[in-house]
């Protein structure tokens, strides 16, 4: 299928396993369907590779982008005569530690690619922003000729799925991430709007999704690996995320980022405006993928305000701590944006009246002890 200049194009390629040669072939093929690496990278440029380095977890947990993907993109960039640099800013800890634990640091050493921390804050004016006209971003991320976005296909308790657009949040210095959650408050709509603004501001040239082994369930840090055997690539991550949602059997309106894109009238969020090449969506449909529960719904569009105000707590999910799994490490206490968590004796207390349901605690919990629990009315009336 030829590339359509009228539609946003998404390539889908099969890749059965993380063998270096297989991944390189699949990545090369997916990029080739979009016009080849030379379309996105020019000789002499410095290109930032932005993987998902959420936390220092071993590669088999499917928390981070697989090192074979990072290696493949490094090699393609070098073939184009450019200089690849790998960088990220985890929510906790350092990119160095996350890269070391996941095997990406070994790849950087093997290929001679530099690994950097995206840690220095700058305030960037964003006059075209829809939700935020000023953004706090990494100075390092702004210092490259271009960015190649390399996310991991995972579930996400707050954002339902974390895909191409969400991965660019790693270009916000790690210590500032909780503050963005705090600024956005309880409603995920504003946070999703910020993520869209950030994506379009940074405007990565190319996004290549690691979907060989994805994560389902209690993602993004404590879910279960799920073999999909797929690679997705596109110059537009909104279009790519829309296709992935369809492949997984997910409604776009369940994904706050895509719902925000639809609300803005962005054509790349409309499946009819997307050209799919390589494998067809129908041939790679995933059945039985385990999504996280819908943790919050903006009922303001459906209920009178006074009802929305009184029923929100009863309908909205909240973080629940499994005491049997909790090690009392207090990571959740440290990352909580509104500071509503505390250690009390042999348990962690949460002030739910002030909890903004950002699930930073769940995302960063090293024991997987935190999961979303639906509000009592939602549990009593499942069809709501």
Protein backbone atom coordinates (compact mmCIF):
# COMPACT_ATOMS: atom_id res chain seq x y z
CA UNK A 1 0.00 0.00 0.00
CA UNK A 2 1.62 3.29 -0.98
CA UNK A 3 2.06 6.13 1.48
CA UNK A 4 -0.91 8.49 1.42
CA UNK A 5 -0.08 12.18 1.62
CA UNK A 6 -3.74 12.90 2.37
CA UNK A 7 -3.92 10.66 5.43
CA UNK A 8 -1.71 10.03 8.43
CA UNK A 9 0.09 6.73 7.90
CA UNK A 10 0.63 3.97 10.46
CA UNK A 11 2.78 0.93 9.71
CA UNK A 12 2.14 -2.42 11.39
CA UNK A 13 4.78 -5.14 11.23
CA UNK A 14 4.98 -8.52 12.95
CA UNK A 15 7.96 -9.43 15.14
CA UNK A 16 7.80 -12.73 17.00
CA UNK A 17 10.61 -12.27 19.53
CA UNK A 18 13.32 -9.95 20.82
CA UNK A 19 16.18 -11.43 18.84
CA UNK A 20 18.38 -8.50 17.76
CA UNK A 21 18.31 -9.40 14.08
CA UNK A 22 14.54 -9.92 14.08
CA UNK A 23 13.85 -6.61 15.81
CA UNK A 24 16.22 -4.74 13.49
CA UNK A 25 14.48 -6.26 10.47
CA UNK A 26 11.01 -5.40 11.83
CA UNK A 27 11.96 -1.83 12.76
CA UNK A 28 13.68 -1.30 9.41
CA UNK A 29 10.62 -2.63 7.59
CA UNK A 30 8.19 -0.46 9.57
CA UNK A 31 10.24 2.67 8.97
CA UNK A 32 10.70 1.67 5.33
CA UNK A 33 6.94 1.60 4.87
CA UNK A 34 6.92 5.25 5.92
CA UNK A 35 9.64 6.25 3.47
CA UNK A 36 12.84 5.03 5.16
CA UNK A 37 14.99 6.43 7.96
CA UNK A 38 16.44 9.03 5.57
CA UNK A 39 13.02 10.69 5.51
CA UNK A 40 13.29 11.39 9.24
CA UNK A 41 17.02 11.75 9.89
CA UNK A 42 19.64 13.74 7.96
CA UNK A 43 23.39 13.32 7.90
CA UNK A 44 25.21 15.20 10.63
CA UNK A 45 22.18 15.64 12.89
CA UNK A 46 22.00 14.82 16.60
CA UNK A 47 18.89 12.76 17.32
CA UNK A 48 17.40 12.07 20.74
CA UNK A 49 16.02 8.56 21.19
CA UNK A 50 13.30 8.73 23.85
CA UNK A 51 12.50 5.23 25.20
CA UNK A 52 10.20 4.42 28.11
CA UNK A 53 12.44 4.17 31.18
CA UNK A 54 9.70 4.33 33.79
CA UNK A 55 11.70 2.68 36.56
CA UNK A 56 14.65 0.43 37.27
CA UNK A 57 12.98 -2.89 36.43
CA UNK A 58 14.40 -5.95 34.65
CA UNK A 59 13.56 -6.32 30.98
CA UNK A 60 11.33 -9.38 31.46
CA UNK A 61 8.80 -7.30 33.45
CA UNK A 62 7.87 -5.37 30.26
CA UNK A 63 8.04 -2.07 32.14
CA UNK A 64 10.59 -0.43 29.84
CA UNK A 65 11.24 -0.31 26.10
CA UNK A 66 13.21 -3.42 25.18
CA UNK A 67 16.93 -2.83 24.61
CA UNK A 68 16.74 -4.60 21.22
CA UNK A 69 14.46 -1.78 20.03
CA UNK A 70 16.84 0.88 21.26
CA UNK A 71 19.71 -0.90 19.54
CA UNK A 72 17.82 -1.16 16.24
CA UNK A 73 17.03 2.57 16.20
CA UNK A 74 20.59 3.49 17.15
CA UNK A 75 21.86 1.47 14.20
CA UNK A 76 19.38 3.02 11.77
CA UNK A 77 20.29 6.54 12.87
CA UNK A 78 23.97 5.77 12.43
CA UNK A 79 23.30 4.36 8.97
CA UNK A 80 21.75 7.70 8.08
CA UNK A 81 24.97 9.45 9.13
CA UNK A 82 23.53 11.03 12.29
CA UNK A 83 24.47 10.80 15.97
CA UNK A 84 22.02 8.98 18.29
CA UNK A 85 21.70 9.93 21.97
CA UNK A 86 19.43 8.03 24.38
CA UNK A 87 17.67 10.05 27.07
CA UNK A 88 14.77 10.00 29.51
CA UNK A 89 13.69 11.21 32.95
CA UNK A 90 12.02 8.54 35.11
CA UNK A 91 9.45 9.51 37.71
CA UNK A 92 11.68 8.00 40.41
CA UNK A 93 15.42 7.43 40.35
CA UNK A 94 17.67 8.11 37.38
CA UNK A 95 17.73 7.17 33.71
CA UNK A 96 21.16 5.67 34.37
CA UNK A 97 19.77 3.20 36.92
CA UNK A 98 16.71 2.36 34.84
CA UNK A 99 18.85 1.83 31.75
CA UNK A 100 21.29 -0.34 33.66
CA UNK A 101 18.55 -2.56 35.11
CA UNK A 102 16.72 -2.93 31.79
CA UNK A 103 19.82 -3.65 29.69
CA UNK A 104 19.66 -0.41 27.69
CA UNK A 105 22.88 0.87 29.24
CA UNK A 106 24.69 -2.20 27.89
CA UNK A 107 23.34 -1.39 24.42
CA UNK A 108 24.55 2.19 24.69
CA UNK A 109 28.01 0.98 25.61
CA UNK A 110 28.01 -1.62 22.84
CA UNK A 111 27.02 0.88 20.14
CA UNK A 112 28.86 3.90 21.52
CA UNK A 113 25.65 5.89 21.95
CA UNK A 114 25.55 8.38 24.82
CA UNK A 115 22.95 8.05 27.59
CA UNK A 116 21.78 11.30 29.18
CA UNK A 117 19.44 12.43 31.93
CA UNK A 118 16.67 14.84 30.92
CA UNK A 119 16.94 16.79 34.14
CA UNK A 120 17.34 20.54 33.63
CA UNK A 121 14.12 22.53 33.68
CA UNK A 122 13.28 25.33 31.26
CA UNK A 123 10.00 27.18 30.84
CA UNK A 124 8.96 27.02 27.21
CA UNK A 125 6.41 29.35 25.67
CA UNK A 126 3.76 27.37 23.82
CA UNK A 127 1.55 29.93 22.03
CA UNK A 128 -0.20 27.23 19.98
CA UNK A 129 -1.08 25.21 23.07
CA UNK A 130 -4.71 24.30 23.54
CA UNK A 131 -4.65 23.65 27.30
CA UNK A 132 -1.28 25.05 28.41
CA UNK A 133 0.49 28.05 26.82
CA UNK A 134 3.62 27.49 28.91
CA UNK A 135 5.31 24.16 29.48
CA UNK A 136 8.02 22.95 31.82
CA UNK A 137 10.34 20.74 29.78
CA UNK A 138 13.85 19.38 29.77
CA UNK A 139 16.44 21.76 28.39
CA UNK A 140 18.40 18.74 27.15
CA UNK A 141 15.44 17.50 25.07
CA UNK A 142 15.25 20.85 23.29
CA UNK A 143 18.91 20.75 22.29
CA UNK A 144 18.60 18.14 19.52
CA UNK A 145 17.87 18.39 15.82
CA UNK A 146 15.07 15.88 16.19
CA UNK A 147 13.46 13.28 18.45
CA UNK A 148 12.56 9.65 17.78
CA UNK A 149 9.94 8.45 20.23
CA UNK A 150 10.30 4.82 21.34
CA UNK A 151 7.44 3.89 23.69
CA UNK A 152 6.33 0.59 25.21
CA UNK A 153 2.76 -0.62 24.72
CA UNK A 154 1.30 -0.78 28.24
CA UNK A 155 -1.83 -0.24 30.24
CA UNK A 156 -1.98 2.78 32.52
CA UNK A 157 -4.40 3.06 35.42
CA UNK A 158 -4.96 6.81 35.02
CA UNK A 159 -4.61 7.12 31.22
CA UNK A 160 -5.99 3.62 30.45
CA UNK A 161 -3.17 3.02 27.95
CA UNK A 162 0.27 4.59 27.75
CA UNK A 163 1.29 4.75 24.10
CA UNK A 164 3.09 7.19 21.81
CA UNK A 165 1.75 10.53 23.02
CA UNK A 166 2.09 9.72 26.73
CA UNK A 167 5.71 8.61 26.31
CA UNK A 168 6.79 12.20 25.64
CA UNK A 169 5.97 13.02 29.28
CA UNK A 170 9.45 11.64 29.95
CA UNK A 171 10.79 14.92 28.53
CA UNK A 172 9.51 16.63 31.68
CA UNK A 173 12.17 16.41 34.42
CA UNK A 174 11.24 13.63 36.83
CA UNK A 175 10.78 15.72 39.96
CA UNK A 176 8.25 17.92 38.16
CA UNK A 177 5.97 15.11 37.03
CA UNK A 178 3.97 14.97 40.30
CA UNK A 179 3.43 18.72 40.11
CA UNK A 180 1.80 18.39 36.69
CA UNK A 181 -0.56 15.80 38.16
CA UNK A 182 -1.32 18.20 41.01
CA UNK A 183 -1.93 21.09 38.61
CA UNK A 184 -4.36 18.97 36.59
CA UNK A 185 -6.32 17.88 39.65
CA UNK A 186 -8.87 15.08 39.88
CA UNK A 187 -10.13 15.28 36.31
CA UNK A 188 -7.80 13.46 33.89
CA UNK A 189 -9.06 15.69 31.06
CA UNK A 190 -6.65 18.53 31.86
CA UNK A 191 -3.73 16.15 32.26
CA UNK A 192 -4.53 14.54 28.91
CA UNK A 193 -4.73 18.01 27.37
CA UNK A 194 -1.30 18.85 28.73
CA UNK A 195 0.14 15.63 27.31
CA UNK A 196 -1.25 16.48 23.89
CA UNK A 197 0.18 20.01 24.09
CA UNK A 198 3.56 18.61 25.13
CA UNK A 199 3.57 16.07 22.30
CA UNK A 200 2.82 18.67 19.63
CA UNK A 201 5.29 21.13 21.14
CA UNK A 202 8.16 18.61 21.08
CA UNK A 203 6.93 17.17 17.78
CA UNK A 204 8.96 13.94 17.53
CA UNK A 205 9.74 13.12 13.92
CA UNK A 206 8.95 9.45 14.27
CA UNK A 207 7.33 7.13 16.83
CA UNK A 208 8.10 3.40 16.87
CA UNK A 209 6.10 1.31 19.32
CA UNK A 210 7.50 -1.74 21.10
CA UNK A 211 4.51 -4.07 21.09
CA UNK A 212 6.36 -7.37 20.85
CA UNK A 213 5.68 -8.04 24.51
CA UNK A 214 3.21 -5.52 25.91
CA UNK A 215 1.83 -5.03 29.42
CA UNK A 216 -1.79 -5.63 30.41
CA UNK A 217 -3.62 -5.33 33.71
CA UNK A 218 -2.26 -3.13 36.49
CA UNK A 219 0.12 -1.03 34.34
CA UNK A 220 2.30 0.86 33.80
CA UNK A 221 4.69 -0.53 36.40
CA UNK A 222 3.02 -3.58 37.93
CA UNK A 223 1.01 -5.23 35.14
CA UNK A 224 1.53 -8.55 33.43
CA UNK A 225 3.57 -9.14 30.24
CA UNK A 226 1.44 -10.10 27.23
CA UNK A 227 2.97 -11.30 23.96
CA UNK A 228 1.54 -9.45 20.95
CA UNK A 229 4.40 -9.78 18.46
CA UNK A 230 3.78 -6.36 16.90
CA UNK A 231 5.69 -3.23 15.93
CA UNK A 232 3.87 0.00 15.08
CA UNK A 233 5.43 3.08 13.50
CA UNK A 234 4.16 6.48 12.42
CA UNK A 235 5.23 10.09 12.11
CA UNK A 236 2.06 10.92 14.04
CA UNK A 237 1.61 9.34 17.46
CA UNK A 238 -2.06 10.34 17.78
CA UNK A 239 -2.85 8.37 14.63
CA UNK A 240 -0.72 5.46 15.83
CA UNK A 241 -2.37 5.42 19.27
CA UNK A 242 -5.78 5.43 17.56
CA UNK A 243 -4.84 2.37 15.51
CA UNK A 244 -3.45 0.54 18.54
CA UNK A 245 -6.64 1.20 20.48
CA UNK A 246 -8.63 -0.34 17.64
CA UNK A 247 -6.29 -3.37 17.47
CA UNK A 248 -6.64 -3.97 21.21
CA UNK A 249 -10.42 -3.68 21.06
CA UNK A 250 -10.54 -0.45 23.05
CA UNK A 251 -12.90 2.48 22.56
CA UNK A 252 -11.03 5.69 21.83
CA UNK A 253 -13.22 7.61 24.28
CA UNK A 254 -11.91 5.39 27.10
CA UNK A 255 -8.42 6.79 26.50
CA UNK A 256 -8.30 10.35 27.89
CA UNK A 257 -5.62 11.46 25.40
CA UNK A 258 -7.60 10.28 22.39
CA UNK A 259 -10.80 11.69 23.87
CA UNK A 260 -9.04 15.04 24.16
CA UNK A 261 -7.81 14.78 20.57
CA UNK A 262 -11.32 14.01 19.36
CA UNK A 263 -12.61 16.98 21.33
CA UNK A 264 -10.14 19.24 19.58
CA UNK A 265 -11.27 17.98 16.20
CA UNK A 266 -7.84 16.56 15.37
CA UNK A 267 -8.23 14.60 12.15
CA UNK A 268 -5.47 12.16 13.04
CA UNK A 269 -7.72 10.79 15.82
CA UNK A 270 -10.30 9.75 13.21
CA UNK A 271 -9.67 6.20 11.98
CA UNK A 272 -11.07 7.12 8.56
CA UNK A 273 -8.23 9.63 8.16
CA UNK A 274 -5.52 7.04 8.83
CA UNK A 275 -3.80 4.92 6.18
CA UNK A 276 -2.57 1.59 7.56
CA UNK A 277 0.26 -0.19 5.74
CA UNK A 278 2.09 -3.46 6.30
CA UNK A 279 -0.29 -5.73 8.21
CA UNK A 280 -3.96 -4.78 8.26
CA UNK A 281 -5.67 -3.98 11.54
CA UNK A 282 -8.06 -6.88 11.03
CA UNK A 283 -5.20 -9.37 10.71
CA UNK A 284 -3.58 -8.39 14.03
CA UNK A 285 -6.62 -7.87 16.27
CA UNK A 286 -5.89 -8.79 19.89
CA UNK A 287 -8.57 -10.68 21.82
CA UNK A 288 -8.99 -10.73 25.57
CA UNK A 289 -6.50 -7.96 26.34
CA UNK A 290 -6.87 -7.06 30.02
CA UNK A 291 -7.38 -3.33 30.46
CA UNK A 292 -7.24 -1.57 33.82
CA UNK A 293 -10.59 -0.50 35.29
CA UNK A 294 -11.86 2.89 34.20
CA UNK A 295 -10.69 4.92 37.18
CA UNK A 296 -12.58 8.13 36.61
CA UNK A 297 -15.24 9.49 34.35
CA UNK A 298 -16.09 13.12 33.77
CA UNK A 299 -19.76 12.97 34.67
CA UNK A 300 -20.18 16.74 34.26
CA UNK A 301 -21.17 16.17 30.64
CA UNK A 302 -23.89 13.72 31.66
CA UNK A 303 -25.24 14.83 35.04
CA UNK A 304 -26.32 18.11 36.65
CA UNK A 305 -23.46 19.73 38.52
CA UNK A 306 -24.91 19.19 42.00
CA UNK A 307 -25.32 15.47 41.31
CA UNK A 308 -21.84 15.25 39.84
CA UNK A 309 -20.42 16.88 42.97
CA UNK A 310 -22.20 14.54 45.39
CA UNK A 311 -21.76 11.32 43.43
CA UNK A 312 -18.18 11.74 42.21
CA UNK A 313 -16.62 9.97 45.19
CA UNK A 314 -19.12 7.11 45.01
CA UNK A 315 -18.52 6.60 41.29
CA UNK A 316 -14.81 7.30 40.99
CA UNK A 317 -12.16 4.67 41.68
CA UNK A 318 -9.41 5.24 44.22
CA UNK A 319 -6.03 3.67 44.99
CA UNK A 320 -6.19 0.65 47.28
CA UNK A 321 -3.17 -0.79 49.12
CA UNK A 322 -2.78 -4.53 49.52
CA UNK A 323 -1.25 -4.76 53.00
CA UNK A 324 0.06 -8.27 52.31
CA UNK A 325 2.20 -6.96 49.42
CA UNK A 326 3.13 -3.58 50.90
CA UNK A 327 6.73 -3.43 52.21
CA UNK A 328 6.27 0.01 53.82
CA UNK A 329 9.06 1.39 51.62
CA UNK A 330 7.20 4.74 51.49
CA UNK A 331 7.89 5.33 47.79
CA UNK A 332 4.18 6.13 47.41
CA UNK A 333 4.40 8.68 50.22
CA UNK A 334 7.36 10.38 48.54
CA UNK A 335 5.78 10.66 45.08
CA UNK A 336 2.23 11.63 46.12
CA UNK A 337 1.61 15.08 44.51
CA UNK A 338 -0.97 16.38 47.03
CA UNK A 339 0.91 14.74 49.95
CA UNK A 340 -2.11 12.83 51.23
CA UNK A 341 -0.28 9.57 52.01
CA UNK A 342 1.56 8.81 55.24
CA UNK A 343 2.99 5.88 57.15
CA UNK A 344 1.06 5.11 60.32
CA UNK A 345 2.41 2.19 62.31
CA UNK A 346 2.48 -0.83 60.01
CA UNK A 347 0.31 0.63 57.27
CA UNK A 348 0.06 3.44 54.75
CA UNK A 349 -2.83 5.84 55.25
CA UNK A 350 -4.51 7.74 52.38
CA UNK A 351 -6.64 10.81 52.91
CA UNK A 352 -9.18 10.08 50.19
CA UNK A 353 -10.95 13.42 50.65
CA UNK A 354 -7.85 15.13 49.27
CA UNK A 355 -6.66 12.36 46.90
CA UNK A 356 -6.65 13.58 43.27
CA UNK A 357 -6.69 10.05 41.77
CA UNK A 358 -3.51 10.62 39.76
CA UNK A 359 -2.22 7.11 40.63
CA UNK A 360 1.40 8.23 40.87
CA UNK A 361 1.54 5.95 43.93
CA UNK A 362 0.36 2.96 41.90
CA UNK A 363 2.71 3.78 39.02
CA UNK A 364 5.80 3.96 41.23
CA UNK A 365 5.03 1.19 43.77
CA UNK A 366 7.94 -1.28 43.47
CA UNK A 367 5.90 -4.12 45.00
CA UNK A 368 2.79 -3.80 42.84
CA UNK A 369 0.81 -3.40 46.06
CA UNK A 370 -1.46 -0.58 44.85
CA UNK A 371 -4.43 -1.14 42.55
CA UNK A 372 -7.50 0.93 41.67
CA UNK A 373 -10.68 0.04 43.55
CA UNK A 374 -14.00 1.21 42.15
CA UNK A 375 -16.25 3.53 44.16
CA UNK A 376 -18.98 1.83 46.17
CA UNK A 377 -21.81 2.95 43.87
CA UNK A 378 -19.91 1.85 40.79
CA UNK A 379 -19.39 -1.59 42.38
CA UNK A 380 -23.06 -1.80 43.36
CA UNK A 381 -24.30 -0.82 39.87
CA UNK A 382 -21.70 -2.19 37.39
CA UNK A 383 -23.51 -0.79 34.35
CA UNK A 384 -22.90 2.82 35.36
